[in-house]
Amino acid sequence: MRPKTTPTNEHLARIADIVRIGNRAARAAQEANRKRGIPNWYSLSDRLVSDAGEIVYLKRAPA
């Protein structure tokens, strides 16, 4: 097993950059969908919710 290491500030800065790029891309895609009239869907507490006001309740499969 590999020993646990603490990420360096350089690693943390790179991770933050990657997350920032991903968030910008997601927001741009969501805005493009809105302009085209395509609803964006999100999962909140086992519910699918769209920004168009629709809600779909999800059923969990039995274990």
PDB file of N, CA and C in Angstrom:
ATOM      1  N   MET A   1       0.849  -1.159   0.000  1.00  0.00           N
ATOM      2  CA  MET A   1       0.000   0.000   0.000  1.00  0.00           C
ATOM      3  C   MET A   1       0.908   1.240   0.000  1.00  0.00           C
ATOM      4  N   ARG A   2       0.507   2.241  -0.792  1.00  0.00           N
ATOM      5  CA  ARG A   2       1.293   3.465  -0.890  1.00  0.00           C
ATOM      6  C   ARG A   2       1.076   4.330   0.348  1.00  0.00           C
ATOM      7  N   PRO A   3       2.127   4.981   0.797  1.00  0.00           N
ATOM      8  CA  PRO A   3       1.944   5.884   1.940  1.00  0.00           C
ATOM      9  C   PRO A   3       1.110   7.095   1.536  1.00  0.00           C
ATOM     10  N   LYS A   4       0.333   7.601   2.476  1.00  0.00           N
ATOM     11  CA  LYS A   4      -0.498   8.772   2.197  1.00  0.00           C
ATOM     12  C   LYS A   4       0.396  10.001   2.127  1.00  0.00           C
ATOM     13  N   THR A   5       0.153  10.822   1.109  1.00  0.00           N
ATOM     14  CA  THR A   5       0.909  12.060   0.979  1.00  0.00           C
ATOM     15  C   THR A   5      -0.060  13.229   0.971  1.00  0.00           C
ATOM     16  N   THR A   6       0.417  14.347   1.418  1.00  0.00           N
ATOM     17  CA  THR A   6      -0.387  15.564   1.423  1.00  0.00           C
ATOM     18  C   THR A   6      -0.166  16.284   0.103  1.00  0.00           C
ATOM     19  N   PRO A   7      -1.246  16.699  -0.577  1.00  0.00           N
ATOM     20  CA  PRO A   7      -1.061  17.413  -1.839  1.00  0.00           C
ATOM     21  C   PRO A   7      -0.336  18.740  -1.604  1.00  0.00           C
ATOM     22  N   THR A   8       0.546  19.069  -2.524  1.00  0.00           N
ATOM     23  CA  THR A   8       1.281  20.328  -2.419  1.00  0.00           C
ATOM     24  C   THR A   8       0.393  21.480  -2.871  1.00  0.00           C
ATOM     25  N   ASN A   9       0.832  22.685  -2.577  1.00  0.00           N
ATOM     26  CA  ASN A   9       0.090  23.865  -3.023  1.00  0.00           C
ATOM     27  C   ASN A   9      -0.005  23.900  -4.541  1.00  0.00           C
ATOM     28  N   GLU A  10       1.043  23.430  -5.217  1.00  0.00           N
ATOM     29  CA  GLU A  10       1.030  23.384  -6.684  1.00  0.00           C
ATOM     30  C   GLU A  10      -0.074  22.449  -7.184  1.00  0.00           C
ATOM     31  N   HIS A  11      -0.200  21.288  -6.541  1.00  0.00           N
ATOM     32  CA  HIS A  11      -1.252  20.343  -6.922  1.00  0.00           C
ATOM     33  C   HIS A  11      -2.633  20.931  -6.653  1.00  0.00           C
ATOM     34  N   LEU A  12      -2.798  21.547  -5.504  1.00  0.00           N
ATOM     35  CA  LEU A  12      -4.093  22.135  -5.161  1.00  0.00           C
ATOM     36  C   LEU A  12      -4.462  23.256  -6.128  1.00  0.00           C
ATOM     37  N   ALA A  13      -3.483  24.051  -6.540  1.00  0.00           N
ATOM     38  CA  ALA A  13      -3.743  25.125  -7.500  1.00  0.00           C
ATOM     39  C   ALA A  13      -4.154  24.544  -8.845  1.00  0.00           C
ATOM     40  N   ARG A  14      -3.507  23.464  -9.255  1.00  0.00           N
ATOM     41  CA  ARG A  14      -3.859  22.831 -10.535  1.00  0.00           C
ATOM     42  C   ARG A  14      -5.271  22.239 -10.475  1.00  0.00           C
ATOM     43  N   ILE A  15      -5.604  21.599  -9.368  1.00  0.00           N
ATOM     44  CA  ILE A  15      -6.953  21.047  -9.193  1.00  0.00           C
ATOM     45  C   ILE A  15      -7.985  22.166  -9.254  1.00  0.00           C
ATOM     46  N   ALA A  16      -7.707  23.282  -8.589  1.00  0.00           N
ATOM     47  CA  ALA A  16      -8.635  24.417  -8.602  1.00  0.00           C
ATOM     48  C   ALA A  16      -8.815  24.950 -10.019  1.00  0.00           C
ATOM     49  N   ASP A  17      -7.731  25.000 -10.802  1.00  0.00           N
ATOM     50  CA  ASP A  17      -7.829  25.445 -12.198  1.00  0.00           C
ATOM     51  C   ASP A  17      -8.715  24.515 -13.013  1.00  0.00           C
ATOM     52  N   ILE A  18      -8.534  23.208 -12.829  1.00  0.00           N
ATOM     53  CA  ILE A  18      -9.327  22.228 -13.581  1.00  0.00           C
ATOM     54  C   ILE A  18     -10.805  22.349 -13.223  1.00  0.00           C
ATOM     55  N   VAL A  19     -11.103  22.489 -11.938  1.00  0.00           N
ATOM     56  CA  VAL A  19     -12.493  22.641 -11.493  1.00  0.00           C
ATOM     57  C   VAL A  19     -13.091  23.925 -12.062  1.00  0.00           C
ATOM     58  N   ARG A  20     -12.316  25.006 -12.050  1.00  0.00           N
ATOM     59  CA  ARG A  20     -12.786  26.290 -12.582  1.00  0.00           C
ATOM     60  C   ARG A  20     -13.124  26.173 -14.069  1.00  0.00           C
ATOM     61  N   ILE A  21     -12.255  25.505 -14.832  1.00  0.00           N
ATOM     62  CA  ILE A  21     -12.500  25.316 -16.266  1.00  0.00           C
ATOM     63  C   ILE A  21     -13.767  24.493 -16.483  1.00  0.00           C
ATOM     64  N   GLY A  22     -13.932  23.420 -15.706  1.00  0.00           N
ATOM     65  CA  GLY A  22     -15.123  22.578 -15.827  1.00  0.00           C
ATOM     66  C   GLY A  22     -16.395  23.326 -15.485  1.00  0.00           C
ATOM     67  N   ASN A  23     -16.355  24.138 -14.436  1.00  0.00           N
ATOM     68  CA  ASN A  23     -17.539  24.915 -14.045  1.00  0.00           C
ATOM     69  C   ASN A  23     -17.923  25.920 -15.118  1.00  0.00           C
ATOM     70  N   ARG A  24     -16.924  26.581 -15.710  1.00  0.00           N
ATOM     71  CA  ARG A  24     -17.214  27.538 -16.790  1.00  0.00           C
ATOM     72  C   ARG A  24     -17.849  26.836 -17.982  1.00  0.00           C
ATOM     73  N   ALA A  25     -17.316  25.667 -18.330  1.00  0.00           N
ATOM     74  CA  ALA A  25     -17.854  24.918 -19.468  1.00  0.00           C
ATOM     75  C   ALA A  25     -19.288  24.477 -19.193  1.00  0.00           C
ATOM     76  N   ALA A  26     -19.561  24.022 -17.968  1.00  0.00           N
ATOM     77  CA  ALA A  26     -20.919  23.587 -17.617  1.00  0.00           C
ATOM     78  C   ALA A  26     -21.895  24.753 -17.680  1.00  0.00           C
ATOM     79  N   ARG A  27     -21.496  25.913 -17.145  1.00  0.00           N
ATOM     80  CA  ARG A  27     -22.377  27.087 -17.198  1.00  0.00           C
ATOM     81  C   ARG A  27     -22.630  27.529 -18.634  1.00  0.00           C
ATOM     82  N   ALA A  28     -21.594  27.473 -19.476  1.00  0.00           N
ATOM     83  CA  ALA A  28     -21.765  27.860 -20.883  1.00  0.00           C
ATOM     84  C   ALA A  28     -22.721  26.902 -21.587  1.00  0.00           C
ATOM     85  N   ALA A  29     -22.595  25.596 -21.314  1.00  0.00           N
ATOM     86  CA  ALA A  29     -23.486  24.609 -21.930  1.00  0.00           C
ATOM     87  C   ALA A  29     -24.918  24.800 -21.447  1.00  0.00           C
ATOM     88  N   GLN A  30     -25.103  25.079 -20.163  1.00  0.00           N
ATOM     89  CA  GLN A  30     -26.443  25.310 -19.632  1.00  0.00           C
ATOM     90  C   GLN A  30     -27.080  26.535 -20.271  1.00  0.00           C
ATOM     91  N   GLU A  31     -26.314  27.602 -20.424  1.00  0.00           N
ATOM     92  CA  GLU A  31     -26.844  28.819 -21.040  1.00  0.00           C
ATOM     93  C   GLU A  31     -27.192  28.574 -22.506  1.00  0.00           C
ATOM     94  N   ALA A  32     -26.350  27.815 -23.212  1.00  0.00           N
ATOM     95  CA  ALA A  32     -26.641  27.488 -24.613  1.00  0.00           C
ATOM     96  C   ALA A  32     -27.927  26.676 -24.713  1.00  0.00           C
ATOM     97  N   ASN A  33     -28.136  25.737 -23.790  1.00  0.00           N
ATOM     98  CA  ASN A  33     -29.367  24.946 -23.782  1.00  0.00           C
ATOM     99  C   ASN A  33     -30.584  25.834 -23.555  1.00  0.00           C
ATOM    100  N   ARG A  34     -30.471  26.773 -22.622  1.00  0.00           N
ATOM    101  CA  ARG A  34     -31.598  27.675 -22.353  1.00  0.00           C
ATOM    102  C   ARG A  34     -31.951  28.489 -23.590  1.00  0.00           C
ATOM    103  N   LYS A  35     -30.947  28.973 -24.303  1.00  0.00           N
ATOM    104  CA  LYS A  35     -31.198  29.756 -25.519  1.00  0.00           C
ATOM    105  C   LYS A  35     -31.890  28.922 -26.587  1.00  0.00           C
ATOM    106  N   ARG A  36     -31.612  27.611 -26.608  1.00  0.00           N
ATOM    107  CA  ARG A  36     -32.236  26.708 -27.582  1.00  0.00           C
ATOM    108  C   ARG A  36     -33.573  26.158 -27.094  1.00  0.00           C
ATOM    109  N   GLY A  37     -33.937  26.470 -25.858  1.00  0.00           N
ATOM    110  CA  GLY A  37     -35.192  25.976 -25.303  1.00  0.00           C
ATOM    111  C   GLY A  37     -35.102  24.565 -24.760  1.00  0.00           C
ATOM    112  N   ILE A  38     -33.892  24.091 -24.506  1.00  0.00           N
ATOM    113  CA  ILE A  38     -33.685  22.746 -23.973  1.00  0.00           C
ATOM    114  C   ILE A  38     -33.530  22.856 -22.457  1.00  0.00           C
ATOM    115  N   PRO A  39     -34.370  22.152 -21.673  1.00  0.00           N
ATOM    116  CA  PRO A  39     -34.254  22.267 -20.212  1.00  0.00           C
ATOM    117  C   PRO A  39     -32.991  21.576 -19.695  1.00  0.00           C
ATOM    118  N   ASN A  40     -32.411  22.126 -18.666  1.00  0.00           N
ATOM    119  CA  ASN A  40     -31.284  21.507 -17.966  1.00  0.00           C
ATOM    120  C   ASN A  40     -31.850  20.702 -16.804  1.00  0.00           C
ATOM    121  N   TRP A  41     -31.315  19.510 -16.586  1.00  0.00           N
ATOM    122  CA  TRP A  41     -31.809  18.626 -15.536  1.00  0.00           C
ATOM    123  C   TRP A  41     -30.761  18.463 -14.456  1.00  0.00           C
ATOM    124  N   TYR A  42     -31.227  18.397 -13.204  1.00  0.00           N
ATOM    125  CA  TYR A  42     -30.360  18.245 -12.048  1.00  0.00           C
ATOM    126  C   TYR A  42     -30.947  17.171 -11.142  1.00  0.00           C
ATOM    127  N   SER A  43     -30.095  16.470 -10.410  1.00  0.00           N
ATOM    128  CA  SER A  43     -30.544  15.480  -9.440  1.00  0.00           C
ATOM    129  C   SER A  43     -30.427  16.085  -8.048  1.00  0.00           C
ATOM    130  N   LEU A  44     -31.576  16.230  -7.367  1.00  0.00           N
ATOM    131  CA  LEU A  44     -31.610  16.778  -6.014  1.00  0.00           C
ATOM    132  C   LEU A  44     -32.424  15.849  -5.121  1.00  0.00           C
ATOM    133  N   SER A  45     -31.793  15.264  -4.139  1.00  0.00           N
ATOM    134  CA  SER A  45     -32.473  14.393  -3.173  1.00  0.00           C
ATOM    135  C   SER A  45     -33.335  13.339  -3.859  1.00  0.00           C
ATOM    136  N   ASP A  46     -32.741  12.572  -4.749  1.00  0.00           N
ATOM    137  CA  ASP A  46     -33.432  11.495  -5.473  1.00  0.00           C
ATOM    138  C   ASP A  46     -34.574  11.999  -6.341  1.00  0.00           C
ATOM    139  N   ARG A  47     -34.505  13.237  -6.769  1.00  0.00           N
ATOM    140  CA  ARG A  47     -35.496  13.781  -7.696  1.00  0.00           C
ATOM    141  C   ARG A  47     -34.754  14.385  -8.872  1.00  0.00           C
ATOM    142  N   LEU A  48     -35.279  14.201 -10.067  1.00  0.00           N
ATOM    143  CA  LEU A  48     -34.762  14.908 -11.228  1.00  0.00           C
ATOM    144  C   LEU A  48     -35.566  16.188 -11.355  1.00  0.00           C
ATOM    145  N   VAL A  49     -34.886  17.305 -11.381  1.00  0.00           N
ATOM    146  CA  VAL A  49     -35.537  18.608 -11.438  1.00  0.00           C
ATOM    147  C   VAL A  49     -34.982  19.358 -12.637  1.00  0.00           C
ATOM    148  N   SER A  50     -35.873  19.936 -13.441  1.00  0.00           N
ATOM    149  CA  SER A  50     -35.405  20.734 -14.574  1.00  0.00           C
ATOM    150  C   SER A  50     -35.576  22.206 -14.260  1.00  0.00           C
ATOM    151  N   ASP A  51     -34.812  23.032 -14.953  1.00  0.00           N
ATOM    152  CA  ASP A  51     -34.972  24.467 -14.750  1.00  0.00           C
ATOM    153  C   ASP A  51     -36.210  24.983 -15.468  1.00  0.00           C
ATOM    154  N   ALA A  52     -36.949  24.085 -16.121  1.00  0.00           N
ATOM    155  CA  ALA A  52     -38.228  24.445 -16.738  1.00  0.00           C
ATOM    156  C   ALA A  52     -39.386  24.171 -15.775  1.00  0.00           C
ATOM    157  N   GLY A  53     -39.071  23.729 -14.535  1.00  0.00           N
ATOM    158  CA  GLY A  53     -40.092  23.536 -13.522  1.00  0.00           C
ATOM    159  C   GLY A  53     -40.610  22.112 -13.397  1.00  0.00           C
ATOM    160  N   GLU A  54     -40.089  21.184 -14.184  1.00  0.00           N
ATOM    161  CA  GLU A  54     -40.555  19.797 -14.109  1.00  0.00           C
ATOM    162  C   GLU A  54     -39.810  19.063 -12.998  1.00  0.00           C
ATOM    163  N   ILE A  55     -40.500  18.122 -12.355  1.00  0.00           N
ATOM    164  CA  ILE A  55     -39.894  17.295 -11.316  1.00  0.00           C
ATOM    165  C   ILE A  55     -40.249  15.843 -11.598  1.00  0.00           C
ATOM    166  N   VAL A  56     -39.259  14.963 -11.549  1.00  0.00           N
ATOM    167  CA  VAL A  56     -39.472  13.534 -11.731  1.00  0.00           C
ATOM    168  C   VAL A  56     -38.914  12.843 -10.492  1.00  0.00           C
ATOM    169  N   TYR A  57     -39.731  12.051  -9.813  1.00  0.00           N
ATOM    170  CA  TYR A  57     -39.284  11.332  -8.635  1.00  0.00           C
ATOM    171  C   TYR A  57     -38.661  10.017  -9.065  1.00  0.00           C
ATOM    172  N   LEU A  58     -37.504   9.710  -8.514  1.00  0.00           N
ATOM    173  CA  LEU A  58     -36.789   8.490  -8.855  1.00  0.00           C
ATOM    174  C   LEU A  58     -37.105   7.413  -7.831  1.00  0.00           C
ATOM    175  N   LYS A  59     -37.255   6.189  -8.304  1.00  0.00           N
ATOM    176  CA  LYS A  59     -37.465   5.053  -7.412  1.00  0.00           C
ATOM    177  C   LYS A  59     -36.166   4.274  -7.347  1.00  0.00           C
ATOM    178  N   ARG A  60     -35.743   3.964  -6.153  1.00  0.00           N
ATOM    179  CA  ARG A  60     -34.524   3.172  -5.981  1.00  0.00           C
ATOM    180  C   ARG A  60     -34.841   1.698  -6.204  1.00  0.00           C
ATOM    181  N   ALA A  61     -33.914   1.013  -6.845  1.00  0.00           N
ATOM    182  CA  ALA A  61     -34.063  -0.418  -7.060  1.00  0.00           C
ATOM    183  C   ALA A  61     -33.842  -1.136  -5.732  1.00  0.00           C
ATOM    184  N   PRO A  62     -34.609  -2.199  -5.474  1.00  0.00           N
ATOM    185  CA  PRO A  62     -34.396  -2.938  -4.226  1.00  0.00           C
ATOM    186  C   PRO A  62     -33.004  -3.556  -4.201  1.00  0.00           C
ATOM    187  N   ALA A  63     -32.399  -3.587  -3.025  1.00  0.00           N
ATOM    188  CA  ALA A  63     -31.025  -4.105  -2.890  1.00  0.00           C
ATOM    189  C   ALA A  63     -30.976  -5.596  -2.951  1.00  0.00           C
TER     190      ALA A  63
END
